[in-house]
Structure formats: structure tokens, C-alpha cells
Amino acid sequence: AVLNIVRHQIEVRCLASAIPSSIE
């Protein structure tokens, strides 16, 4: 199968002290 990536990034809102390095 082909992996069709719709979103390479996701915009989120969070505390500056809790920024995730990535979304799995």
C-alpha cells in the first residue's frame, strides 16, 4: 500500500514548557 500523508505537521496549542518534539 501507499502511505498518503495528508498532514506532515499538526498545529496545536500548549504550554511552552510542554511542547512535544513530535506527534506519533
mmCIF file of all heavy atoms, coordinates in Angstrom:
data_MODEL
# 
_entry.id   MODEL 
# 
loop_
_atom_site.group_PDB 
_atom_site.id 
_atom_site.type_symbol 
_atom_site.label_atom_id 
_atom_site.label_alt_id 
_atom_site.label_comp_id 
_atom_site.label_asym_id 
_atom_site.label_entity_id 
_atom_site.label_seq_id 
_atom_site.pdbx_PDB_ins_code 
_atom_site.Cartn_x 
_atom_site.Cartn_y 
_atom_site.Cartn_z 
_atom_site.occupancy 
_atom_site.B_iso_or_equiv 
_atom_site.pdbx_formal_charge 
_atom_site.auth_seq_id 
_atom_site.auth_comp_id 
_atom_site.auth_asym_id 
_atom_site.auth_atom_id 
_atom_site.pdbx_PDB_model_num 
ATOM 1   N N   . ALA A 1 1  ? 0.837  -1.208 0.000  1.00 0.00 ? 1  ALA A N   1 
ATOM 2   C CA  . ALA A 1 1  ? 0.000  0.000  0.000  1.00 0.00 ? 1  ALA A CA  1 
ATOM 3   C C   . ALA A 1 1  ? 0.871  1.257  0.000  1.00 0.00 ? 1  ALA A C   1 
ATOM 4   O O   . ALA A 1 1  ? 2.041  1.233  0.383  1.00 0.00 ? 1  ALA A O   1 
ATOM 5   C CB  . ALA A 1 1  ? -0.927 0.002  1.203  1.00 0.00 ? 1  ALA A CB  1 
ATOM 6   N N   . VAL A 1 2  ? 0.250  2.349  -0.429 1.00 0.00 ? 2  VAL A N   1 
ATOM 7   C CA  . VAL A 1 2  ? 0.924  3.645  -0.453 1.00 0.00 ? 2  VAL A CA  1 
ATOM 8   C C   . VAL A 1 2  ? 0.454  4.461  0.749  1.00 0.00 ? 2  VAL A C   1 
ATOM 9   O O   . VAL A 1 2  ? -0.732 4.544  1.034  1.00 0.00 ? 2  VAL A O   1 
ATOM 10  C CB  . VAL A 1 2  ? 0.605  4.414  -1.751 1.00 0.00 ? 2  VAL A CB  1 
ATOM 11  C CG1 . VAL A 1 2  ? 1.218  5.805  -1.719 1.00 0.00 ? 2  VAL A CG1 1 
ATOM 12  C CG2 . VAL A 1 2  ? 1.107  3.637  -2.955 1.00 0.00 ? 2  VAL A CG2 1 
ATOM 13  N N   . LEU A 1 3  ? 1.414  5.058  1.459  1.00 0.00 ? 3  LEU A N   1 
ATOM 14  C CA  . LEU A 1 3  ? 1.110  5.909  2.606  1.00 0.00 ? 3  LEU A CA  1 
ATOM 15  C C   . LEU A 1 3  ? 0.893  7.333  2.101  1.00 0.00 ? 3  LEU A C   1 
ATOM 16  O O   . LEU A 1 3  ? 1.841  8.022  1.739  1.00 0.00 ? 3  LEU A O   1 
ATOM 17  C CB  . LEU A 1 3  ? 2.275  5.852  3.597  1.00 0.00 ? 3  LEU A CB  1 
ATOM 18  C CG  . LEU A 1 3  ? 2.019  6.292  5.030  1.00 0.00 ? 3  LEU A CG  1 
ATOM 19  C CD1 . LEU A 1 3  ? 1.033  5.353  5.714  1.00 0.00 ? 3  LEU A CD1 1 
ATOM 20  C CD2 . LEU A 1 3  ? 3.330  6.332  5.803  1.00 0.00 ? 3  LEU A CD2 1 
ATOM 21  N N   . ASN A 1 4  ? -0.364 7.761  2.043  1.00 0.00 ? 4  ASN A N   1 
ATOM 22  C CA  . ASN A 1 4  ? -0.686 9.116  1.578  1.00 0.00 ? 4  ASN A CA  1 
ATOM 23  C C   . ASN A 1 4  ? -0.771 10.046 2.791  1.00 0.00 ? 4  ASN A C   1 
ATOM 24  O O   . ASN A 1 4  ? -1.769 10.035 3.514  1.00 0.00 ? 4  ASN A O   1 
ATOM 25  C CB  . ASN A 1 4  ? -2.009 9.134  0.809  1.00 0.00 ? 4  ASN A CB  1 
ATOM 26  C CG  . ASN A 1 4  ? -1.903 8.413  -0.513 1.00 0.00 ? 4  ASN A CG  1 
ATOM 27  O OD1 . ASN A 1 4  ? -0.878 8.461  -1.178 1.00 0.00 ? 4  ASN A OD1 1 
ATOM 28  N ND2 . ASN A 1 4  ? -2.975 7.731  -0.902 1.00 0.00 ? 4  ASN A ND2 1 
ATOM 29  N N   . ILE A 1 5  ? 0.279  10.831 2.994  1.00 0.00 ? 5  ILE A N   1 
ATOM 30  C CA  . ILE A 1 5  ? 0.334  11.706 4.171  1.00 0.00 ? 5  ILE A CA  1 
ATOM 31  C C   . ILE A 1 5  ? -0.411 13.001 3.865  1.00 0.00 ? 5  ILE A C   1 
ATOM 32  O O   . ILE A 1 5  ? -0.011 13.771 2.992  1.00 0.00 ? 5  ILE A O   1 
ATOM 33  C CB  . ILE A 1 5  ? 1.790  11.996 4.561  1.00 0.00 ? 5  ILE A CB  1 
ATOM 34  C CG1 . ILE A 1 5  ? 2.526  10.683 4.842  1.00 0.00 ? 5  ILE A CG1 1 
ATOM 35  C CG2 . ILE A 1 5  ? 1.837  12.905 5.778  1.00 0.00 ? 5  ILE A CG2 1 
ATOM 36  C CD1 . ILE A 1 5  ? 4.009  10.851 5.076  1.00 0.00 ? 5  ILE A CD1 1 
ATOM 37  N N   . VAL A 1 6  ? -1.487 13.232 4.579  1.00 0.00 ? 6  VAL A N   1 
ATOM 38  C CA  . VAL A 1 6  ? -2.301 14.437 4.397  1.00 0.00 ? 6  VAL A CA  1 
ATOM 39  C C   . VAL A 1 6  ? -1.710 15.600 5.182  1.00 0.00 ? 6  VAL A C   1 
ATOM 40  O O   . VAL A 1 6  ? -1.692 16.732 4.724  1.00 0.00 ? 6  VAL A O   1 
ATOM 41  C CB  . VAL A 1 6  ? -3.758 14.174 4.832  1.00 0.00 ? 6  VAL A CB  1 
ATOM 42  C CG1 . VAL A 1 6  ? -4.618 15.424 4.649  1.00 0.00 ? 6  VAL A CG1 1 
ATOM 43  C CG2 . VAL A 1 6  ? -4.343 13.006 4.033  1.00 0.00 ? 6  VAL A CG2 1 
ATOM 44  N N   . ARG A 1 7  ? -1.208 15.304 6.385  1.00 0.00 ? 7  ARG A N   1 
ATOM 45  C CA  . ARG A 1 7  ? -0.634 16.354 7.244  1.00 0.00 ? 7  ARG A CA  1 
ATOM 46  C C   . ARG A 1 7  ? 0.741  15.918 7.747  1.00 0.00 ? 7  ARG A C   1 
ATOM 47  O O   . ARG A 1 7  ? 0.859  14.947 8.481  1.00 0.00 ? 7  ARG A O   1 
ATOM 48  C CB  . ARG A 1 7  ? -1.553 16.653 8.431  1.00 0.00 ? 7  ARG A CB  1 
ATOM 49  C CG  . ARG A 1 7  ? -2.866 17.304 8.013  1.00 0.00 ? 7  ARG A CG  1 
ATOM 50  C CD  . ARG A 1 7  ? -3.747 17.607 9.212  1.00 0.00 ? 7  ARG A CD  1 
ATOM 51  N NE  . ARG A 1 7  ? -5.010 18.187 8.783  1.00 0.00 ? 7  ARG A NE  1 
ATOM 52  C CZ  . ARG A 1 7  ? -5.212 19.494 8.615  1.00 0.00 ? 7  ARG A CZ  1 
ATOM 53  N NH1 . ARG A 1 7  ? -4.238 20.340 8.882  1.00 0.00 ? 7  ARG A NH1 1 
ATOM 54  N NH2 . ARG A 1 7  ? -6.384 19.949 8.215  1.00 0.00 ? 7  ARG A NH2 1 
ATOM 55  N N   . HIS A 1 8  ? 1.756  16.655 7.336  1.00 0.00 ? 8  HIS A N   1 
ATOM 56  C CA  . HIS A 1 8  ? 3.113  16.397 7.822  1.00 0.00 ? 8  HIS A CA  1 
ATOM 57  C C   . HIS A 1 8  ? 3.326  17.068 9.174  1.00 0.00 ? 8  HIS A C   1 
ATOM 58  O O   . HIS A 1 8  ? 4.245  16.707 9.912  1.00 0.00 ? 8  HIS A O   1 
ATOM 59  C CB  . HIS A 1 8  ? 4.150  16.914 6.829  1.00 0.00 ? 8  HIS A CB  1 
ATOM 60  C CG  . HIS A 1 8  ? 4.175  16.147 5.546  1.00 0.00 ? 8  HIS A CG  1 
ATOM 61  N ND1 . HIS A 1 8  ? 4.951  15.019 5.370  1.00 0.00 ? 8  HIS A ND1 1 
ATOM 62  C CD2 . HIS A 1 8  ? 3.505  16.327 4.380  1.00 0.00 ? 8  HIS A CD2 1 
ATOM 63  C CE1 . HIS A 1 8  ? 4.775  14.550 4.148  1.00 0.00 ? 8  HIS A CE1 1 
ATOM 64  N NE2 . HIS A 1 8  ? 3.904  15.322 3.526  1.00 0.00 ? 8  HIS A NE2 1 
ATOM 65  N N   . GLN A 1 9  ? 2.512  18.066 9.480  1.00 0.00 ? 9  GLN A N   1 
ATOM 66  C CA  . GLN A 1 9  ? 2.569  18.754 10.767 1.00 0.00 ? 9  GLN A CA  1 
ATOM 67  C C   . GLN A 1 9  ? 1.146  18.973 11.272 1.00 0.00 ? 9  GLN A C   1 
ATOM 68  O O   . GLN A 1 9  ? 0.200  19.054 10.485 1.00 0.00 ? 9  GLN A O   1 
ATOM 69  C CB  . GLN A 1 9  ? 3.269  20.110 10.640 1.00 0.00 ? 9  GLN A CB  1 
ATOM 70  C CG  . GLN A 1 9  ? 4.736  20.030 10.250 1.00 0.00 ? 9  GLN A CG  1 
ATOM 71  C CD  . GLN A 1 9  ? 5.382  21.402 10.215 1.00 0.00 ? 9  GLN A CD  1 
ATOM 72  O OE1 . GLN A 1 9  ? 4.751  22.404 9.846  1.00 0.00 ? 9  GLN A OE1 1 
ATOM 73  N NE2 . GLN A 1 9  ? 6.651  21.477 10.605 1.00 0.00 ? 9  GLN A NE2 1 
ATOM 74  N N   . ILE A 1 10 ? 1.015  19.069 12.591 1.00 0.00 ? 10 ILE A N   1 
ATOM 75  C CA  . ILE A 1 10 ? -0.282 19.346 13.194 1.00 0.00 ? 10 ILE A CA  1 
ATOM 76  C C   . ILE A 1 10 ? -0.128 20.568 14.090 1.00 0.00 ? 10 ILE A C   1 
ATOM 77  O O   . ILE A 1 10 ? 0.755  20.601 14.961 1.00 0.00 ? 10 ILE A O   1 
ATOM 78  C CB  . ILE A 1 10 ? -0.801 18.148 14.005 1.00 0.00 ? 10 ILE A CB  1 
ATOM 79  C CG1 . ILE A 1 10 ? -1.029 16.952 13.080 1.00 0.00 ? 10 ILE A CG1 1 
ATOM 80  C CG2 . ILE A 1 10 ? -2.090 18.498 14.739 1.00 0.00 ? 10 ILE A CG2 1 
ATOM 81  C CD1 . ILE A 1 10 ? -1.440 15.687 13.793 1.00 0.00 ? 10 ILE A CD1 1 
ATOM 82  N N   . GLU A 1 11 ? -0.963 21.556 13.876 1.00 0.00 ? 11 GLU A N   1 
ATOM 83  C CA  . GLU A 1 11 ? -0.914 22.767 14.697 1.00 0.00 ? 11 GLU A CA  1 
ATOM 84  C C   . GLU A 1 11 ? -1.652 22.515 16.005 1.00 0.00 ? 11 GLU A C   1 
ATOM 85  O O   . GLU A 1 11 ? -2.804 22.077 16.007 1.00 0.00 ? 11 GLU A O   1 
ATOM 86  C CB  . GLU A 1 11 ? -1.533 23.945 13.955 1.00 0.00 ? 11 GLU A CB  1 
ATOM 87  C CG  . GLU A 1 11 ? -1.350 25.269 14.674 1.00 0.00 ? 11 GLU A CG  1 
ATOM 88  C CD  . GLU A 1 11 ? -1.931 26.435 13.906 1.00 0.00 ? 11 GLU A CD  1 
ATOM 89  O OE1 . GLU A 1 11 ? -3.179 26.562 13.878 1.00 0.00 ? 11 GLU A OE1 1 
ATOM 90  O OE2 . GLU A 1 11 ? -1.150 27.228 13.337 1.00 0.00 ? 11 GLU A OE2 1 
ATOM 91  N N   . VAL A 1 12 ? -0.967 22.796 17.112 1.00 0.00 ? 12 VAL A N   1 
ATOM 92  C CA  . VAL A 1 12 ? -1.553 22.566 18.433 1.00 0.00 ? 12 VAL A CA  1 
ATOM 93  C C   . VAL A 1 12 ? -1.369 23.797 19.306 1.00 0.00 ? 12 VAL A C   1 
ATOM 94  O O   . VAL A 1 12 ? -0.591 24.702 18.977 1.00 0.00 ? 12 VAL A O   1 
ATOM 95  C CB  . VAL A 1 12 ? -0.909 21.341 19.130 1.00 0.00 ? 12 VAL A CB  1 
ATOM 96  C CG1 . VAL A 1 12 ? -1.083 20.084 18.295 1.00 0.00 ? 12 VAL A CG1 1 
ATOM 97  C CG2 . VAL A 1 12 ? 0.562  21.588 19.435 1.00 0.00 ? 12 VAL A CG2 1 
ATOM 98  N N   . ARG A 1 13 ? -2.085 23.774 20.427 1.00 0.00 ? 13 ARG A N   1 
ATOM 99  C CA  . ARG A 1 13 ? -1.910 24.809 21.444 1.00 0.00 ? 13 ARG A CA  1 
ATOM 100 C C   . ARG A 1 13 ? -1.513 24.107 22.734 1.00 0.00 ? 13 ARG A C   1 
ATOM 101 O O   . ARG A 1 13 ? -2.116 23.115 23.127 1.00 0.00 ? 13 ARG A O   1 
ATOM 102 C CB  . ARG A 1 13 ? -3.197 25.606 21.623 1.00 0.00 ? 13 ARG A CB  1 
ATOM 103 C CG  . ARG A 1 13 ? -3.018 26.861 22.462 1.00 0.00 ? 13 ARG A CG  1 
ATOM 104 C CD  . ARG A 1 13 ? -4.041 27.938 22.131 1.00 0.00 ? 13 ARG A CD  1 
ATOM 105 N NE  . ARG A 1 13 ? -3.769 29.173 22.852 1.00 0.00 ? 13 ARG A NE  1 
ATOM 106 C CZ  . ARG A 1 13 ? -2.909 30.093 22.490 1.00 0.00 ? 13 ARG A CZ  1 
ATOM 107 N NH1 . ARG A 1 13 ? -2.213 29.903 21.382 1.00 0.00 ? 13 ARG A NH1 1 
ATOM 108 N NH2 . ARG A 1 13 ? -2.707 31.186 23.191 1.00 0.00 ? 13 ARG A NH2 1 
ATOM 109 N N   . CYS A 1 14 ? -0.467 24.642 23.388 1.00 0.00 ? 14 CYS A N   1 
ATOM 110 C CA  . CYS A 1 14 ? 0.011  24.027 24.621 1.00 0.00 ? 14 CYS A CA  1 
ATOM 111 C C   . CYS A 1 14 ? 0.881  25.017 25.389 1.00 0.00 ? 14 CYS A C   1 
ATOM 112 O O   . CYS A 1 14 ? 1.208  26.104 24.888 1.00 0.00 ? 14 CYS A O   1 
ATOM 113 C CB  . CYS A 1 14 ? 0.803  22.756 24.319 1.00 0.00 ? 14 CYS A CB  1 
ATOM 114 S SG  . CYS A 1 14 ? 2.297  23.043 23.346 1.00 0.00 ? 14 CYS A SG  1 
ATOM 115 N N   . LEU A 1 15 ? 1.259  24.623 26.598 1.00 0.00 ? 15 LEU A N   1 
ATOM 116 C CA  . LEU A 1 15 ? 2.193  25.434 27.369 1.00 0.00 ? 15 LEU A CA  1 
ATOM 117 C C   . LEU A 1 15 ? 3.582  25.347 26.751 1.00 0.00 ? 15 LEU A C   1 
ATOM 118 O O   . LEU A 1 15 ? 3.973  24.308 26.216 1.00 0.00 ? 15 LEU A O   1 
ATOM 119 C CB  . LEU A 1 15 ? 2.243  24.957 28.821 1.00 0.00 ? 15 LEU A CB  1 
ATOM 120 C CG  . LEU A 1 15 ? 0.998  25.196 29.677 1.00 0.00 ? 15 LEU A CG  1 
ATOM 121 C CD1 . LEU A 1 15 ? 1.182  24.570 31.053 1.00 0.00 ? 15 LEU A CD1 1 
ATOM 122 C CD2 . LEU A 1 15 ? 0.706  26.687 29.817 1.00 0.00 ? 15 LEU A CD2 1 
ATOM 123 N N   . ALA A 1 16 ? 4.330  26.436 26.840 1.00 0.00 ? 16 ALA A N   1 
ATOM 124 C CA  . ALA A 1 16 ? 5.682  26.447 26.295 1.00 0.00 ? 16 ALA A CA  1 
ATOM 125 C C   . ALA A 1 16 ? 6.556  25.396 26.962 1.00 0.00 ? 16 ALA A C   1 
ATOM 126 O O   . ALA A 1 16 ? 7.491  24.867 26.347 1.00 0.00 ? 16 ALA A O   1 
ATOM 127 C CB  . ALA A 1 16 ? 6.297  27.829 26.475 1.00 0.00 ? 16 ALA A CB  1 
ATOM 128 N N   . SER A 1 17 ? 6.253  25.057 28.203 1.00 0.00 ? 17 SER A N   1 
ATOM 129 C CA  . SER A 1 17 ? 7.052  24.066 28.929 1.00 0.00 ? 17 SER A CA  1 
ATOM 130 C C   . SER A 1 17 ? 6.669  22.634 28.566 1.00 0.00 ? 17 SER A C   1 
ATOM 131 O O   . SER A 1 17 ? 7.285  21.691 29.054 1.00 0.00 ? 17 SER A O   1 
ATOM 132 C CB  . SER A 1 17 ? 6.873  24.260 30.437 1.00 0.00 ? 17 SER A CB  1 
ATOM 133 O OG  . SER A 1 17 ? 5.500  24.180 30.793 1.00 0.00 ? 17 SER A OG  1 
ATOM 134 N N   . ALA A 1 18 ? 5.653  22.463 27.723 1.00 0.00 ? 18 ALA A N   1 
ATOM 135 C CA  . ALA A 1 18 ? 5.166  21.110 27.396 1.00 0.00 ? 18 ALA A CA  1 
ATOM 136 C C   . ALA A 1 18 ? 5.063  20.877 25.893 1.00 0.00 ? 18 ALA A C   1 
ATOM 137 O O   . ALA A 1 18 ? 4.194  20.138 25.429 1.00 0.00 ? 18 ALA A O   1 
ATOM 138 C CB  . ALA A 1 18 ? 3.812  20.884 28.058 1.00 0.00 ? 18 ALA A CB  1 
ATOM 139 N N   . ILE A 1 19 ? 5.949  21.493 25.107 1.00 0.00 ? 19 ILE A N   1 
ATOM 140 C CA  . ILE A 1 19 ? 5.915  21.324 23.657 1.00 0.00 ? 19 ILE A CA  1 
ATOM 141 C C   . ILE A 1 19 ? 6.426  19.928 23.296 1.00 0.00 ? 19 ILE A C   1 
ATOM 142 O O   . ILE A 1 19 ? 7.568  19.585 23.614 1.00 0.00 ? 19 ILE A O   1 
ATOM 143 C CB  . ILE A 1 19 ? 6.781  22.377 22.944 1.00 0.00 ? 19 ILE A CB  1 
ATOM 144 C CG1 . ILE A 1 19 ? 6.290  23.784 23.268 1.00 0.00 ? 19 ILE A CG1 1 
ATOM 145 C CG2 . ILE A 1 19 ? 6.770  22.150 21.442 1.00 0.00 ? 19 ILE A CG2 1 
ATOM 146 C CD1 . ILE A 1 19 ? 7.194  24.877 22.734 1.00 0.00 ? 19 ILE A CD1 1 
ATOM 147 N N   . PRO A 1 20 ? 5.613  19.102 22.629 1.00 0.00 ? 20 PRO A N   1 
ATOM 148 C CA  . PRO A 1 20 ? 6.103  17.776 22.223 1.00 0.00 ? 20 PRO A CA  1 
ATOM 149 C C   . PRO A 1 20 ? 7.069  17.914 21.048 1.00 0.00 ? 20 PRO A C   1 
ATOM 150 O O   . PRO A 1 20 ? 6.914  18.796 20.201 1.00 0.00 ? 20 PRO A O   1 
ATOM 151 C CB  . PRO A 1 20 ? 4.828  17.031 21.820 1.00 0.00 ? 20 PRO A CB  1 
ATOM 152 C CG  . PRO A 1 20 ? 3.854  18.107 21.439 1.00 0.00 ? 20 PRO A CG  1 
ATOM 153 C CD  . PRO A 1 20 ? 4.193  19.307 22.270 1.00 0.00 ? 20 PRO A CD  1 
ATOM 154 N N   . SER A 1 21 ? 8.067  17.022 21.005 1.00 0.00 ? 21 SER A N   1 
ATOM 155 C CA  . SER A 1 21 ? 9.022  17.075 19.894 1.00 0.00 ? 21 SER A CA  1 
ATOM 156 C C   . SER A 1 21 ? 8.397  16.567 18.609 1.00 0.00 ? 21 SER A C   1 
ATOM 157 O O   . SER A 1 21 ? 8.793  16.959 17.508 1.00 0.00 ? 21 SER A O   1 
ATOM 158 C CB  . SER A 1 21 ? 10.268 16.254 20.228 1.00 0.00 ? 21 SER A CB  1 
ATOM 159 O OG  . SER A 1 21 ? 9.908  14.902 20.492 1.00 0.00 ? 21 SER A OG  1 
ATOM 160 N N   . SER A 1 22 ? 7.402  15.678 18.729 1.00 0.00 ? 22 SER A N   1 
ATOM 161 C CA  . SER A 1 22 ? 6.719  15.127 17.560 1.00 0.00 ? 22 SER A CA  1 
ATOM 162 C C   . SER A 1 22 ? 5.379  14.545 17.999 1.00 0.00 ? 22 SER A C   1 
ATOM 163 O O   . SER A 1 22 ? 5.123  14.369 19.195 1.00 0.00 ? 22 SER A O   1 
ATOM 164 C CB  . SER A 1 22 ? 7.565  14.044 16.886 1.00 0.00 ? 22 SER A CB  1 
ATOM 165 O OG  . SER A 1 22 ? 7.784  12.959 17.775 1.00 0.00 ? 22 SER A OG  1 
ATOM 166 N N   . ILE A 1 23 ? 4.540  14.250 17.013 1.00 0.00 ? 23 ILE A N   1 
ATOM 167 C CA  . ILE A 1 23 ? 3.276  13.558 17.256 1.00 0.00 ? 23 ILE A CA  1 
ATOM 168 C C   . ILE A 1 23 ? 3.344  12.218 16.539 1.00 0.00 ? 23 ILE A C   1 
ATOM 169 O O   . ILE A 1 23 ? 3.536  12.165 15.324 1.00 0.00 ? 23 ILE A O   1 
ATOM 170 C CB  . ILE A 1 23 ? 2.081  14.388 16.756 1.00 0.00 ? 23 ILE A CB  1 
ATOM 171 C CG1 . ILE A 1 23 ? 1.944  15.655 17.604 1.00 0.00 ? 23 ILE A CG1 1 
ATOM 172 C CG2 . ILE A 1 23 ? 0.789  13.576 16.787 1.00 0.00 ? 23 ILE A CG2 1 
ATOM 173 C CD1 . ILE A 1 23 ? 0.866  16.604 17.134 1.00 0.00 ? 23 ILE A CD1 1 
ATOM 174 N N   . GLU A 1 24 ? 3.221  11.131 17.315 1.00 0.00 ? 24 GLU A N   1 
ATOM 175 C CA  . GLU A 1 24 ? 3.370  9.792  16.746 1.00 0.00 ? 24 GLU A CA  1 
ATOM 176 C C   . GLU A 1 24 ? 2.048  9.245  16.225 1.00 0.00 ? 24 GLU A C   1 
ATOM 177 O O   . GLU A 1 24 ? 1.021  9.342  16.900 1.00 0.00 ? 24 GLU A O   1 
ATOM 178 C CB  . GLU A 1 24 ? 3.942  8.831  17.798 1.00 0.00 ? 24 GLU A CB  1 
ATOM 179 C CG  . GLU A 1 24 ? 5.388  9.097  18.142 1.00 0.00 ? 24 GLU A CG  1 
ATOM 180 C CD  . GLU A 1 24 ? 5.993  7.979  18.981 1.00 0.00 ? 24 GLU A CD  1 
ATOM 181 O OE1 . GLU A 1 24 ? 5.234  7.067  19.405 1.00 0.00 ? 24 GLU A OE1 1 
ATOM 182 O OE2 . GLU A 1 24 ? 7.214  8.005  19.210 1.00 0.00 ? 24 GLU A OE2 1 
# 
